[in-house]
């Protein structure tokens, strides 16, 4: 394992490449994380019950959405390989297949909004929490097109190696979201006090702005004809290929989110304190999760581009550089979570009410964050190497590995332990930790021994 993690020697140019591609993606994902994080803080300051509802509803929304985000976002890998193979005239058609798929995904997400009542009744979180969960879930589902379409458009920029627009557009979305969030949740100025509905509405409005900005940047490109950006018609063969490789990548993200969605709903059976503490820990964990996902996406783009150029050693060296930089990002966060957990958790404390009422949540949250610190190393390594495999097109392995590890090491043990054996919060958090560590090992072994070095998505 030590030799695998070390990998080939990464040169200064490799680190520069990774930083050029991944750093703007990290900043863009971080802005998305900040929006979600401030969502939870504003909602938590408004009501403890609403913050207990926000994370389950948000994860339940992101679960089906992740399938489309992962699938549509895979246009970045195709575009990077087209660019590496000097087949730029196919790039526009590839982007349009992603946009057509985005429209299909948005219609399906709108249909999911009709399932809000039976879904959250089944969760068994109590009628008050369930009411808030339904409101937040429906609002986000009905505005899902902007998020899915933005994934296709940002995938175009990432695949082209132009990630700075991704960063700037997401930062502008954050600048709009945070004050709008605060105003709509709390009823500031001319806005009514909408609580958790205001949080969802602010997120949809910010996503719409991000989509429109991306679309404007694509339309105004001077070389849009050379890249085939005017070829908007569906191309069945290319659409099929996007589904063939992108859908397993989307399923990987879907299965990962499903495992944690199931986990959050299961923890809800342990009581409101355990649910609130877990939701807060997962919200803090998102400070690492989304940027790590950005490192994974950047690794996919770089590996895809180098494989398109038939430069396998370069693909290996940029993967090693990406891992080193991702660890540099994660280690300080782990130190913060480990040595200063209470100030972070206190950000979610209600502004009104007795501070003593929040003490059990804070105490349980500290325990949850210790598990987060332990599994973040495995998550970091797994993200980078799964990104490399995705960049080569080895997405089916990642999908099956995620399914087996999630089902056998997280979902089934947590269900038996919590529902049938009466185990508590500590045991429940052992299950996702075991799942992440095992998936990491499976991914690293596949990278070391797998056929990804000879795989290619595009042909002349």
Protein backbone atom coordinates (compact mmCIF):
# COMPACT_ATOMS: atom_id res chain seq x y z
CA UNK A 1 0.00 0.00 0.00
CA UNK A 2 2.81 2.41 0.83
CA UNK A 3 4.39 1.94 -2.59
CA UNK A 4 1.08 2.45 -4.34
CA UNK A 5 0.38 5.69 -2.51
CA UNK A 6 3.82 7.02 -3.35
CA UNK A 7 3.29 6.34 -7.07
CA UNK A 8 5.55 7.70 -9.83
CA UNK A 9 7.66 10.76 -9.22
CA UNK A 10 5.62 13.94 -9.64
CA UNK A 11 7.48 16.88 -11.14
CA UNK A 12 6.91 20.59 -10.59
CA UNK A 13 5.02 20.77 -13.89
CA UNK A 14 2.60 18.10 -12.64
CA UNK A 15 1.79 20.08 -9.51
CA UNK A 16 1.37 23.18 -11.64
CA UNK A 17 -1.05 21.30 -13.92
CA UNK A 18 -3.08 20.00 -11.00
CA UNK A 19 -3.24 23.43 -9.40
CA UNK A 20 -4.22 25.08 -12.68
CA UNK A 21 -7.09 22.64 -13.24
CA UNK A 22 -8.12 21.58 -9.74
CA UNK A 23 -7.61 24.71 -7.65
CA UNK A 24 -10.33 26.73 -9.42
CA UNK A 25 -12.60 23.66 -9.17
CA UNK A 26 -11.83 23.42 -5.45
CA UNK A 27 -12.65 27.11 -5.04
CA UNK A 28 -15.87 26.64 -7.02
CA UNK A 29 -16.87 23.57 -4.99
CA UNK A 30 -15.87 25.37 -1.80
CA UNK A 31 -18.25 28.20 -2.71
CA UNK A 32 -21.03 25.62 -3.12
CA UNK A 33 -20.06 24.13 0.23
CA UNK A 34 -20.09 27.58 1.86
CA UNK A 35 -23.60 28.14 0.50
CA UNK A 36 -24.81 24.84 1.96
CA UNK A 37 -22.91 25.46 5.21
CA UNK A 38 -24.41 28.94 5.69
CA UNK A 39 -27.81 27.47 4.78
CA UNK A 40 -27.51 25.16 7.76
CA UNK A 41 -26.22 27.91 10.06
CA UNK A 42 -29.02 30.36 9.18
CA UNK A 43 -31.64 27.62 9.41
CA UNK A 44 -30.13 26.39 12.70
CA UNK A 45 -30.23 29.90 14.13
CA UNK A 46 -33.86 30.14 13.06
CA UNK A 47 -34.95 26.79 14.55
CA UNK A 48 -33.35 23.58 15.88
CA UNK A 49 -36.22 21.60 14.38
CA UNK A 50 -35.60 23.09 10.95
CA UNK A 51 -31.87 22.29 11.01
CA UNK A 52 -32.77 18.71 12.02
CA UNK A 53 -34.97 18.62 8.89
CA UNK A 54 -32.61 20.41 6.49
CA UNK A 55 -29.89 17.76 6.18
CA UNK A 56 -32.16 14.70 5.65
CA UNK A 57 -34.23 16.64 3.10
CA UNK A 58 -31.12 18.03 1.42
CA UNK A 59 -29.52 14.58 1.18
CA UNK A 60 -32.79 13.03 -0.04
CA UNK A 61 -32.85 15.67 -2.81
CA UNK A 62 -29.18 15.24 -3.67
CA UNK A 63 -29.61 11.44 -3.88
CA UNK A 64 -31.52 11.30 -7.20
CA UNK A 65 -29.84 14.51 -8.36
CA UNK A 66 -26.39 12.95 -7.95
CA UNK A 67 -27.21 10.32 -10.57
CA UNK A 68 -27.74 13.05 -13.16
CA UNK A 69 -24.89 15.25 -11.92
CA UNK A 70 -22.40 12.39 -12.18
CA UNK A 71 -23.68 11.28 -15.58
CA UNK A 72 -23.96 14.74 -17.14
CA UNK A 73 -20.71 15.92 -15.58
CA UNK A 74 -18.89 13.10 -17.37
CA UNK A 75 -18.89 15.26 -20.50
CA UNK A 76 -15.73 16.78 -19.01
CA UNK A 77 -13.85 13.48 -19.46
CA UNK A 78 -15.05 13.05 -23.04
CA UNK A 79 -14.16 16.63 -23.89
CA UNK A 80 -10.71 16.31 -22.29
CA UNK A 81 -10.01 13.16 -24.34
CA UNK A 82 -11.34 14.79 -27.53
CA UNK A 83 -9.03 17.72 -26.84
CA UNK A 84 -6.05 15.45 -26.18
CA UNK A 85 -6.75 13.45 -29.38
CA UNK A 86 -7.07 16.70 -31.44
CA UNK A 87 -10.77 16.06 -32.23
CA UNK A 88 -12.04 19.47 -31.12
CA UNK A 89 -14.88 19.58 -33.68
CA UNK A 90 -16.77 16.94 -31.65
CA UNK A 91 -16.70 18.91 -28.42
CA UNK A 92 -19.84 20.97 -29.09
CA UNK A 93 -21.98 17.93 -29.88
CA UNK A 94 -20.75 16.27 -26.70
CA UNK A 95 -21.80 19.29 -24.64
CA UNK A 96 -25.24 19.33 -26.22
CA UNK A 97 -25.80 15.65 -25.40
CA UNK A 98 -25.15 16.61 -21.78
CA UNK A 99 -27.68 19.44 -21.98
CA UNK A 100 -30.34 17.18 -23.50
CA UNK A 101 -29.72 14.70 -20.72
CA UNK A 102 -30.01 17.58 -18.22
CA UNK A 103 -33.51 18.33 -19.47
CA UNK A 104 -34.55 14.70 -19.06
CA UNK A 105 -33.10 14.65 -15.56
CA UNK A 106 -34.94 17.84 -14.60
CA UNK A 107 -38.29 16.35 -15.63
CA UNK A 108 -37.60 13.24 -13.56
CA UNK A 109 -36.58 15.38 -10.55
CA UNK A 110 -39.85 17.33 -10.83
CA UNK A 111 -41.65 13.99 -10.65
CA UNK A 112 -39.72 13.10 -7.48
CA UNK A 113 -41.19 16.16 -5.76
CA UNK A 114 -44.54 14.35 -5.76
CA UNK A 115 -43.05 11.65 -3.51
CA UNK A 116 -42.26 14.04 -0.66
CA UNK A 117 -45.13 13.02 1.63
CA UNK A 118 -44.71 9.20 1.52
CA UNK A 119 -40.91 9.52 1.61
CA UNK A 120 -40.71 11.57 4.80
CA UNK A 121 -43.63 9.79 6.44
CA UNK A 122 -41.61 6.60 5.99
CA UNK A 123 -38.58 8.21 7.65
CA UNK A 124 -40.42 8.35 10.98
CA UNK A 125 -38.85 11.64 12.14
CA UNK A 126 -42.08 13.05 13.59
CA UNK A 127 -44.70 15.21 11.93
CA UNK A 128 -43.11 18.58 12.75
CA UNK A 129 -39.73 17.67 11.27
CA UNK A 130 -41.39 15.84 8.35
CA UNK A 131 -43.36 18.97 7.42
CA UNK A 132 -40.16 21.00 7.11
CA UNK A 133 -38.45 18.16 5.24
CA UNK A 134 -41.21 18.07 2.63
CA UNK A 135 -41.08 21.83 2.07
CA UNK A 136 -37.31 21.92 1.54
CA UNK A 137 -37.28 18.79 -0.63
CA UNK A 138 -40.04 19.96 -2.99
CA UNK A 139 -38.50 23.40 -3.46
CA UNK A 140 -35.13 21.99 -4.45
CA UNK A 141 -36.58 19.30 -6.76
CA UNK A 142 -38.62 21.78 -8.78
CA UNK A 143 -35.52 23.89 -9.44
CA UNK A 144 -33.19 20.98 -10.25
CA UNK A 145 -32.70 21.81 -13.95
CA UNK A 146 -30.38 24.70 -13.15
CA UNK A 147 -28.08 22.45 -11.09
CA UNK A 148 -27.98 19.64 -13.67
CA UNK A 149 -27.55 22.02 -16.62
CA UNK A 150 -24.75 23.81 -14.78
CA UNK A 151 -22.99 20.44 -14.33
CA UNK A 152 -22.95 19.98 -18.12
CA UNK A 153 -21.74 23.52 -18.80
CA UNK A 154 -19.07 23.47 -16.08
CA UNK A 155 -18.00 20.04 -17.40
CA UNK A 156 -17.39 21.70 -20.77
CA UNK A 157 -15.09 24.32 -19.23
CA UNK A 158 -13.29 21.71 -17.08
CA UNK A 159 -12.76 19.41 -20.05
CA UNK A 160 -11.33 22.30 -22.03
CA UNK A 161 -8.88 22.97 -19.21
CA UNK A 162 -10.48 26.35 -18.51
CA UNK A 163 -11.51 25.94 -14.89
CA UNK A 164 -11.18 29.58 -13.85
CA UNK A 165 -14.66 30.44 -15.23
CA UNK A 166 -16.03 27.58 -13.10
CA UNK A 167 -14.52 29.18 -10.01
CA UNK A 168 -15.68 32.72 -10.82
CA UNK A 169 -19.24 31.74 -11.71
CA UNK A 170 -19.65 29.66 -8.54
CA UNK A 171 -18.22 32.47 -6.43
CA UNK A 172 -20.76 34.88 -7.94
CA UNK A 173 -23.50 32.38 -7.10
CA UNK A 174 -22.24 32.27 -3.51
CA UNK A 175 -22.17 36.07 -3.31
CA UNK A 176 -25.83 36.11 -4.29
CA UNK A 177 -26.89 33.12 -2.18
CA UNK A 178 -25.61 34.08 1.27
CA UNK A 179 -27.40 37.44 1.70
CA UNK A 180 -30.50 36.10 -0.08
CA UNK A 181 -30.48 33.11 2.27
CA UNK A 182 -30.26 35.32 5.33
CA UNK A 183 -33.00 37.65 4.10
CA UNK A 184 -35.49 34.96 3.03
CA UNK A 185 -35.00 32.72 6.07
CA UNK A 186 -35.29 35.49 8.66
CA UNK A 187 -37.51 38.01 6.87
CA UNK A 188 -35.03 40.88 6.48
CA UNK A 189 -36.02 44.11 4.72
CA UNK A 190 -38.77 43.68 2.13
CA UNK A 191 -38.60 39.88 2.27
CA UNK A 192 -41.10 37.79 4.29
CA UNK A 193 -39.86 35.34 6.92
CA UNK A 194 -39.92 32.03 5.04
CA UNK A 195 -37.72 29.83 7.23
CA UNK A 196 -36.61 26.61 5.57
CA UNK A 197 -38.61 27.37 2.41
CA UNK A 198 -36.57 30.56 2.07
CA UNK A 199 -33.37 28.52 2.27
CA UNK A 200 -34.52 26.29 -0.60
CA UNK A 201 -35.73 29.24 -2.67
CA UNK A 202 -32.42 31.08 -2.25
CA UNK A 203 -30.53 27.97 -3.41
CA UNK A 204 -32.69 27.64 -6.55
CA UNK A 205 -32.24 31.33 -7.41
CA UNK A 206 -28.47 31.08 -7.03
CA UNK A 207 -28.38 27.93 -9.19
CA UNK A 208 -30.35 29.76 -11.89
CA UNK A 209 -27.82 32.60 -11.87
CA UNK A 210 -24.93 30.14 -12.17
CA UNK A 211 -26.57 28.38 -15.13
CA UNK A 212 -27.24 31.64 -16.97
CA UNK A 213 -23.69 32.87 -16.44
CA UNK A 214 -22.22 29.60 -17.76
CA UNK A 215 -24.54 29.67 -20.77
CA UNK A 216 -23.57 33.27 -21.52
CA UNK A 217 -19.86 32.42 -21.44
CA UNK A 218 -20.34 29.50 -23.83
CA UNK A 219 -22.47 31.49 -26.29
CA UNK A 220 -20.01 34.37 -26.47
CA UNK A 221 -16.96 32.21 -27.28
CA UNK A 222 -15.32 33.30 -30.52
CA UNK A 223 -14.37 29.75 -31.57
CA UNK A 224 -17.84 28.24 -30.98
CA UNK A 225 -18.13 27.13 -34.63
CA UNK A 226 -14.72 25.41 -34.71
CA UNK A 227 -15.70 23.48 -31.57
CA UNK A 228 -19.07 22.50 -33.03
CA UNK A 229 -21.03 24.38 -30.35
CA UNK A 230 -23.78 25.16 -32.89
CA UNK A 231 -24.50 21.44 -33.37
CA UNK A 232 -27.38 21.25 -30.92
CA UNK A 233 -29.22 18.27 -32.45
CA UNK A 234 -29.24 14.96 -30.53
CA UNK A 235 -26.61 12.49 -31.75
CA UNK A 236 -27.82 8.99 -30.73
CA UNK A 237 -24.41 7.33 -30.92
CA UNK A 238 -22.72 9.99 -28.79
CA UNK A 239 -25.67 10.13 -26.38
CA UNK A 240 -25.45 6.35 -25.95
CA UNK A 241 -21.71 6.54 -25.30
CA UNK A 242 -22.21 9.26 -22.68
CA UNK A 243 -24.70 7.01 -20.91
CA UNK A 244 -22.47 3.95 -21.29
CA UNK A 245 -19.57 5.53 -19.42
CA UNK A 246 -21.21 8.41 -17.59
CA UNK A 247 -24.09 6.47 -16.05
CA UNK A 248 -21.82 4.12 -14.02
CA UNK A 249 -19.97 7.25 -12.84
CA UNK A 250 -23.29 8.78 -11.87
CA UNK A 251 -24.28 5.53 -10.16
CA UNK A 252 -21.07 5.64 -8.13
CA UNK A 253 -21.98 9.07 -6.78
CA UNK A 254 -25.62 8.00 -6.37
CA UNK A 255 -24.74 4.89 -4.37
CA UNK A 256 -22.38 6.84 -2.13
CA UNK A 257 -25.04 9.46 -1.40
CA UNK A 258 -27.67 6.73 -0.98
CA UNK A 259 -25.57 5.03 1.69
CA UNK A 260 -25.29 8.28 3.65
CA UNK A 261 -28.95 9.14 3.06
CA UNK A 262 -29.90 5.78 4.52
CA UNK A 263 -27.50 6.41 7.38
CA UNK A 264 -29.05 9.81 8.23
CA UNK A 265 -32.57 8.40 8.16
CA UNK A 266 -31.48 5.46 10.31
CA UNK A 267 -29.82 7.74 12.88
CA UNK A 268 -33.13 9.62 13.07
CA UNK A 269 -34.49 6.52 14.81
CA UNK A 270 -32.06 7.22 17.68
CA UNK A 271 -33.78 10.51 18.54
CA UNK A 272 -33.63 14.19 17.68
CA UNK A 273 -30.35 14.78 19.53
CA UNK A 274 -28.52 12.04 17.62
CA UNK A 275 -30.05 13.22 14.34
CA UNK A 276 -29.13 16.88 14.92
CA UNK A 277 -25.56 15.96 16.01
CA UNK A 278 -25.04 13.73 12.96
CA UNK A 279 -26.48 16.36 10.61
CA UNK A 280 -24.15 19.01 12.04
CA UNK A 281 -21.13 16.68 11.75
CA UNK A 282 -21.99 15.87 8.13
CA UNK A 283 -22.48 19.57 7.37
CA UNK A 284 -19.00 20.28 8.78
CA UNK A 285 -17.67 17.27 6.85
CA UNK A 286 -18.93 18.94 3.66
CA UNK A 287 -16.10 21.46 4.06
CA UNK A 288 -13.84 18.61 2.97
CA UNK A 289 -16.19 16.52 0.80
CA UNK A 290 -16.98 18.95 -2.02
CA UNK A 291 -13.39 20.19 -2.51
CA UNK A 292 -12.20 16.58 -2.54
CA UNK A 293 -14.81 15.88 -5.21
CA UNK A 294 -13.25 18.79 -7.12
CA UNK A 295 -9.79 17.19 -6.84
CA UNK A 296 -11.32 13.97 -8.16
CA UNK A 297 -12.90 15.83 -11.11
CA UNK A 298 -9.64 17.62 -11.87
CA UNK A 299 -7.76 14.32 -11.81
CA UNK A 300 -10.31 12.83 -14.24
CA UNK A 301 -9.81 15.71 -16.67
CA UNK A 302 -6.01 15.54 -16.56
CA UNK A 303 -5.86 11.76 -16.82
CA UNK A 304 -8.36 11.81 -19.70
CA UNK A 305 -6.40 14.47 -21.53
CA UNK A 306 -3.08 12.63 -21.17
CA UNK A 307 -4.61 9.30 -22.20
CA UNK A 308 -6.08 11.04 -25.26
CA UNK A 309 -2.49 12.02 -26.07
CA UNK A 310 -1.29 8.43 -25.33
CA UNK A 311 0.85 9.76 -22.45
CA UNK A 312 0.26 7.14 -19.73
CA UNK A 313 3.29 8.11 -17.57
CA UNK A 314 2.00 11.70 -17.44
CA UNK A 315 -1.42 10.43 -16.36
CA UNK A 316 0.25 8.53 -13.51
CA UNK A 317 2.40 11.44 -12.37
CA UNK A 318 -0.47 13.96 -12.29
CA UNK A 319 -2.49 11.48 -10.22
CA UNK A 320 0.33 11.36 -7.67
CA UNK A 321 0.58 15.16 -7.62
CA UNK A 322 -3.18 15.45 -7.14
CA UNK A 323 -3.07 13.09 -4.17
CA UNK A 324 -0.28 15.08 -2.50
CA UNK A 325 -2.13 18.37 -2.92
CA UNK A 326 -5.44 16.90 -1.73
CA UNK A 327 -3.75 15.67 1.46
CA UNK A 328 -2.23 19.11 2.00
CA UNK A 329 -5.79 20.49 1.93
CA UNK A 330 -7.33 17.84 4.19
CA UNK A 331 -4.75 17.53 6.99
CA UNK A 332 -5.31 21.06 8.42
CA UNK A 333 -9.08 20.47 8.31
CA UNK A 334 -8.64 17.23 10.25
CA UNK A 335 -6.61 19.11 12.86
CA UNK A 336 -9.37 21.72 13.13
CA UNK A 337 -12.10 19.09 13.48
CA UNK A 338 -10.07 17.17 16.08
CA UNK A 339 -8.78 19.99 18.29
CA UNK A 340 -11.52 22.63 17.92
CA UNK A 341 -14.79 20.75 17.36
CA UNK A 342 -16.95 22.70 19.83
CA UNK A 343 -16.56 26.17 18.24
CA UNK A 344 -17.58 24.66 14.89
CA UNK A 345 -20.59 22.90 16.37
CA UNK A 346 -21.62 26.02 18.29
CA UNK A 347 -22.13 27.79 14.94
CA UNK A 348 -25.29 25.71 14.60
CA UNK A 349 -26.66 26.59 18.04
CA UNK A 350 -30.02 28.43 18.06
CA UNK A 351 -29.68 32.16 18.65
CA UNK A 352 -32.69 32.06 20.97
CA UNK A 353 -33.36 29.57 23.73
CA UNK A 354 -31.50 28.02 26.64
CA UNK A 355 -27.86 27.14 25.78
CA UNK A 356 -28.12 24.13 28.07
CA UNK A 357 -30.65 22.58 25.69
CA UNK A 358 -27.99 22.47 22.98
CA UNK A 359 -25.35 20.83 25.23
CA UNK A 360 -26.35 17.19 24.45
CA UNK A 361 -26.21 17.95 20.72
CA UNK A 362 -22.76 19.50 21.10
CA UNK A 363 -21.44 16.55 23.11
CA UNK A 364 -22.73 14.00 20.59
CA UNK A 365 -21.44 16.12 17.70
CA UNK A 366 -17.89 15.99 19.06
CA UNK A 367 -18.02 12.17 18.98
CA UNK A 368 -19.29 12.23 15.39
CA UNK A 369 -16.51 14.59 14.28
CA UNK A 370 -13.87 12.21 15.64
CA UNK A 371 -15.11 9.59 13.21
CA UNK A 372 -15.02 12.18 10.42
CA UNK A 373 -11.36 12.89 11.19
CA UNK A 374 -10.51 9.18 11.05
CA UNK A 375 -12.16 8.42 7.70
CA UNK A 376 -11.15 11.61 5.88
CA UNK A 377 -7.70 10.22 5.02
CA UNK A 378 -9.28 7.21 3.30
CA UNK A 379 -11.84 9.45 1.61
CA UNK A 380 -9.07 11.65 0.21
CA UNK A 381 -7.07 8.77 -1.25
CA UNK A 382 -10.20 7.10 -2.61
CA UNK A 383 -11.44 10.29 -4.29
CA UNK A 384 -8.18 10.92 -6.16
CA UNK A 385 -7.71 7.36 -7.43
CA UNK A 386 -11.37 6.97 -8.40
CA UNK A 387 -10.94 10.21 -10.35
CA UNK A 388 -8.02 8.68 -12.23
CA UNK A 389 -10.04 5.56 -13.04
CA UNK A 390 -12.97 7.67 -14.20
CA UNK A 391 -10.70 9.70 -16.46
CA UNK A 392 -9.75 6.47 -18.23
CA UNK A 393 -13.35 5.24 -18.49
CA UNK A 394 -13.09 2.52 -15.82
CA UNK A 395 -16.37 3.64 -14.26
CA UNK A 396 -18.11 0.28 -13.99
CA UNK A 397 -15.58 -1.06 -11.51
CA UNK A 398 -16.02 1.97 -9.30
CA UNK A 399 -19.79 1.52 -9.43
CA UNK A 400 -19.69 -2.15 -8.44
CA UNK A 401 -17.09 -1.59 -5.72
CA UNK A 402 -19.22 1.18 -4.22
CA UNK A 403 -22.34 -0.99 -4.32
CA UNK A 404 -20.67 -3.97 -2.61
CA UNK A 405 -18.90 -1.94 0.09
CA UNK A 406 -21.94 0.25 0.84
CA UNK A 407 -24.36 -2.67 1.09
CA UNK A 408 -22.18 -5.16 2.97
CA UNK A 409 -20.17 -2.86 5.24
CA UNK A 410 -22.49 0.07 5.94
CA UNK A 411 -26.18 -0.42 5.18
CA UNK A 412 -26.71 -3.97 6.43
CA UNK A 413 -24.53 -3.72 9.60
CA UNK A 414 -26.04 -0.35 10.58
CA UNK A 415 -29.58 -1.65 10.07
CA UNK A 416 -29.03 -4.77 12.15
CA UNK A 417 -27.13 -2.93 14.88
CA UNK A 418 -29.48 0.03 15.31
CA UNK A 419 -32.89 -1.51 14.60
CA UNK A 420 -32.48 -5.05 15.94
CA UNK A 421 -29.61 -5.03 18.45
CA UNK A 422 -30.27 -1.62 19.98
CA UNK A 423 -26.79 -0.19 19.44
CA UNK A 424 -26.37 3.58 19.68
CA UNK A 425 -24.75 6.49 17.88
CA UNK A 426 -21.13 5.31 18.27
CA UNK A 427 -21.80 1.99 16.57
CA UNK A 428 -23.81 3.71 13.84
CA UNK A 429 -20.84 5.95 12.96
CA UNK A 430 -18.48 2.95 12.86
CA UNK A 431 -20.36 1.69 9.78
CA UNK A 432 -19.69 4.61 7.36
CA UNK A 433 -16.09 4.68 8.59
CA UNK A 434 -15.62 1.02 7.68
CA UNK A 435 -17.34 1.58 4.32
CA UNK A 436 -15.11 4.50 3.30
CA UNK A 437 -11.90 2.75 4.36
CA UNK A 438 -12.80 -0.44 2.46
CA UNK A 439 -13.84 1.40 -0.70
CA UNK A 440 -10.56 3.30 -0.61
CA UNK A 441 -8.55 0.06 -0.47
CA UNK A 442 -10.57 -1.45 -3.34
CA UNK A 443 -10.01 1.65 -5.48
CA UNK A 444 -6.26 1.81 -4.81
CA UNK A 445 -5.83 -1.87 -5.70
CA UNK A 446 -7.73 -1.37 -8.95
CA UNK A 447 -5.57 1.61 -9.83
CA UNK A 448 -2.40 -0.39 -9.17
CA UNK A 449 -3.41 -3.54 -11.05
CA UNK A 450 -6.32 -2.54 -13.29
CA UNK A 451 -6.56 -2.12 -17.07
CA UNK A 452 -7.15 1.65 -17.00
CA UNK A 453 -3.79 2.42 -18.63
CA UNK A 454 -4.89 0.79 -21.91
CA UNK A 455 -8.47 2.14 -21.96
CA UNK A 456 -9.58 4.91 -24.33
CA UNK A 457 -12.96 6.59 -24.74
CA UNK A 458 -12.49 8.34 -28.08
CA UNK A 459 -11.23 7.20 -31.45
CA UNK A 460 -10.26 9.19 -34.51
